């Protein structure tokens, strides 16, 4: 299904596929005000600790992840969401394969 067509219902989790031993991303939309990106993490894969200059909302679409923010781990599963605050170190790890929608608003 194409995501370039607007005013179309899509099932987000179907727009990105798992790849063995990898993290896959697909940008859904990008604008000066922010962007929305889909990710698929294979089991035990993750993003190492880093910071971002803007708040970012993580919404779990499938599976289970550990999100660590400023050294504090949070367990998230399907339907859960968390805001990773701007300029705070954060990391993500797949407890099991998971897909997430990341929304970053530049303000």
C-alpha atoms as a PDB file:
ATOM      1  CA  UNK A   1       0.000   0.000   0.000  1.00  0.00           C
ATOM      2  CA  UNK A   2       1.342   3.417  -0.913  1.00  0.00           C
ATOM      3  CA  UNK A   3       1.601   6.061   1.764  1.00  0.00           C
ATOM      4  CA  UNK A   4       1.951   8.864  -0.734  1.00  0.00           C
ATOM      5  CA  UNK A   5      -1.801   8.993  -1.299  1.00  0.00           C
ATOM      6  CA  UNK A   6      -3.464  11.285   1.197  1.00  0.00           C
ATOM      7  CA  UNK A   7      -6.977  10.867   2.633  1.00  0.00           C
ATOM      8  CA  UNK A   8      -6.539   7.101   2.599  1.00  0.00           C
ATOM      9  CA  UNK A   9      -6.955   4.703   5.516  1.00  0.00           C
ATOM     10  CA  UNK A  10      -3.812   2.671   6.171  1.00  0.00           C
ATOM     11  CA  UNK A  11      -2.831   0.045   8.719  1.00  0.00           C
ATOM     12  CA  UNK A  12       0.478   1.495   9.932  1.00  0.00           C
ATOM     13  CA  UNK A  13       2.046  -1.787  11.103  1.00  0.00           C
ATOM     14  CA  UNK A  14       1.716  -3.189   7.573  1.00  0.00           C
ATOM     15  CA  UNK A  15       3.773  -0.368   6.035  1.00  0.00           C
ATOM     16  CA  UNK A  16       7.117  -1.597   7.398  1.00  0.00           C
ATOM     17  CA  UNK A  17       8.488  -5.159   7.536  1.00  0.00           C
ATOM     18  CA  UNK A  18      10.862  -6.904   9.886  1.00  0.00           C
ATOM     19  CA  UNK A  19      14.307  -7.782   8.604  1.00  0.00           C
ATOM     20  CA  UNK A  20      16.356 -10.420  10.436  1.00  0.00           C
ATOM     21  CA  UNK A  21      19.027  -8.879  12.666  1.00  0.00           C
ATOM     22  CA  UNK A  22      18.099  -5.323  11.692  1.00  0.00           C
ATOM     23  CA  UNK A  23      16.179  -2.160  12.438  1.00  0.00           C
ATOM     24  CA  UNK A  24      14.106  -0.977   9.480  1.00  0.00           C
ATOM     25  CA  UNK A  25      12.645   2.522   9.188  1.00  0.00           C
ATOM     26  CA  UNK A  26      10.215   4.150   6.787  1.00  0.00           C
ATOM     27  CA  UNK A  27       9.458   7.851   6.785  1.00  0.00           C
ATOM     28  CA  UNK A  28       5.728   8.518   6.590  1.00  0.00           C
ATOM     29  CA  UNK A  29       5.778  12.295   6.443  1.00  0.00           C
ATOM     30  CA  UNK A  30       8.330  15.052   6.822  1.00  0.00           C
ATOM     31  CA  UNK A  31       7.813  18.784   7.184  1.00  0.00           C
ATOM     32  CA  UNK A  32       9.579  21.753   8.757  1.00  0.00           C
ATOM     33  CA  UNK A  33       7.348  21.317  11.810  1.00  0.00           C
ATOM     34  CA  UNK A  34       8.286  17.665  12.351  1.00  0.00           C
ATOM     35  CA  UNK A  35       8.209  14.142  11.002  1.00  0.00           C
ATOM     36  CA  UNK A  36       6.583  10.754  11.467  1.00  0.00           C
ATOM     37  CA  UNK A  37       8.607   7.572  10.978  1.00  0.00           C
ATOM     38  CA  UNK A  38       7.728   3.877  11.261  1.00  0.00           C
ATOM     39  CA  UNK A  39      10.279   1.426  12.655  1.00  0.00           C
ATOM     40  CA  UNK A  40      10.462  -2.378  12.770  1.00  0.00           C
ATOM     41  CA  UNK A  41      13.006  -3.861  15.205  1.00  0.00           C
ATOM     42  CA  UNK A  42      14.012  -7.520  15.066  1.00  0.00           C
ATOM     43  CA  UNK A  43      14.380  -9.212  18.455  1.00  0.00           C
ATOM     44  CA  UNK A  44      17.367  -7.958  20.505  1.00  0.00           C
ATOM     45  CA  UNK A  45      17.946  -5.066  18.076  1.00  0.00           C
ATOM     46  CA  UNK A  46      17.818  -1.464  19.208  1.00  0.00           C
ATOM     47  CA  UNK A  47      19.025   2.095  19.018  1.00  0.00           C
ATOM     48  CA  UNK A  48      21.935   2.955  21.283  1.00  0.00           C
ATOM     49  CA  UNK A  49      21.711   5.815  23.749  1.00  0.00           C
ATOM     50  CA  UNK A  50      21.493   9.227  22.092  1.00  0.00           C
ATOM     51  CA  UNK A  51      19.758  12.578  22.497  1.00  0.00           C
ATOM     52  CA  UNK A  52      17.486  14.598  20.221  1.00  0.00           C
ATOM     53  CA  UNK A  53      16.818  18.337  20.268  1.00  0.00           C
ATOM     54  CA  UNK A  54      13.025  17.863  20.307  1.00  0.00           C
ATOM     55  CA  UNK A  55      10.453  15.797  22.193  1.00  0.00           C
ATOM     56  CA  UNK A  56       9.592  12.528  20.453  1.00  0.00           C
ATOM     57  CA  UNK A  57       6.505  10.372  20.941  1.00  0.00           C
ATOM     58  CA  UNK A  58       6.978   6.600  20.644  1.00  0.00           C
ATOM     59  CA  UNK A  59       3.810   4.546  20.050  1.00  0.00           C
ATOM     60  CA  UNK A  60       4.151   0.746  20.021  1.00  0.00           C
ATOM     61  CA  UNK A  61       2.149  -0.887  17.203  1.00  0.00           C
ATOM     62  CA  UNK A  62       3.301  -4.505  17.666  1.00  0.00           C
ATOM     63  CA  UNK A  63       5.452  -6.461  20.080  1.00  0.00           C
ATOM     64  CA  UNK A  64       7.333  -5.275  23.143  1.00  0.00           C
ATOM     65  CA  UNK A  65      10.186  -2.826  23.717  1.00  0.00           C
ATOM     66  CA  UNK A  66      12.304  -1.428  26.483  1.00  0.00           C
ATOM     67  CA  UNK A  67      12.722   2.335  26.271  1.00  0.00           C
ATOM     68  CA  UNK A  68      15.335   3.803  28.578  1.00  0.00           C
ATOM     69  CA  UNK A  69      15.158   7.531  29.303  1.00  0.00           C
ATOM     70  CA  UNK A  70      17.873   9.156  31.418  1.00  0.00           C
ATOM     71  CA  UNK A  71      18.840   5.736  32.776  1.00  0.00           C
ATOM     72  CA  UNK A  72      15.287   4.702  33.733  1.00  0.00           C
ATOM     73  CA  UNK A  73      13.875   1.686  31.814  1.00  0.00           C
ATOM     74  CA  UNK A  74      10.235   1.522  30.728  1.00  0.00           C
ATOM     75  CA  UNK A  75       8.548  -1.627  29.386  1.00  0.00           C
ATOM     76  CA  UNK A  76       6.129  -0.868  26.552  1.00  0.00           C
ATOM     77  CA  UNK A  77       3.843  -3.226  24.649  1.00  0.00           C
ATOM     78  CA  UNK A  78       1.253  -2.898  21.911  1.00  0.00           C
ATOM     79  CA  UNK A  79      -0.847   0.234  22.362  1.00  0.00           C
ATOM     80  CA  UNK A  80       1.550   1.865  24.843  1.00  0.00           C
ATOM     81  CA  UNK A  81       3.184   5.229  24.175  1.00  0.00           C
ATOM     82  CA  UNK A  82       5.814   7.384  25.866  1.00  0.00           C
ATOM     83  CA  UNK A  83       7.335  10.797  25.268  1.00  0.00           C
ATOM     84  CA  UNK A  84      11.116  10.918  25.128  1.00  0.00           C
ATOM     85  CA  UNK A  85      11.915  14.465  26.285  1.00  0.00           C
ATOM     86  CA  UNK A  86      14.219  16.726  24.291  1.00  0.00           C
ATOM     87  CA  UNK A  87      17.903  16.644  25.233  1.00  0.00           C
ATOM     88  CA  UNK A  88      17.522  13.641  27.591  1.00  0.00           C
ATOM     89  CA  UNK A  89      19.531  10.522  26.728  1.00  0.00           C
ATOM     90  CA  UNK A  90      17.345   7.656  25.538  1.00  0.00           C
ATOM     91  CA  UNK A  91      17.738   4.209  23.981  1.00  0.00           C
ATOM     92  CA  UNK A  92      15.404   1.525  22.629  1.00  0.00           C
ATOM     93  CA  UNK A  93      15.721  -2.265  22.649  1.00  0.00           C
ATOM     94  CA  UNK A  94      13.481  -5.003  21.280  1.00  0.00           C
ATOM     95  CA  UNK A  95      12.401  -7.350  24.081  1.00  0.00           C
ATOM     96  CA  UNK A  96      10.604  -9.149  21.248  1.00  0.00           C
ATOM     97  CA  UNK A  97      10.155  -8.037  17.653  1.00  0.00           C
ATOM     98  CA  UNK A  98       8.300  -4.740  17.695  1.00  0.00           C
ATOM     99  CA  UNK A  99       7.045  -1.981  15.446  1.00  0.00           C
ATOM    100  CA  UNK A 100       6.675   1.622  16.527  1.00  0.00           C
ATOM    101  CA  UNK A 101       5.521   4.932  15.185  1.00  0.00           C
ATOM    102  CA  UNK A 102       7.859   7.807  16.097  1.00  0.00           C
ATOM    103  CA  UNK A 103       6.469  11.341  15.951  1.00  0.00           C
ATOM    104  CA  UNK A 104       8.858  14.242  16.413  1.00  0.00           C
ATOM    105  CA  UNK A 105       7.549  17.786  16.559  1.00  0.00           C
ATOM    106  CA  UNK A 106      10.105  20.551  16.148  1.00  0.00           C
ATOM    107  CA  UNK A 107       9.243  23.440  18.438  1.00  0.00           C
END
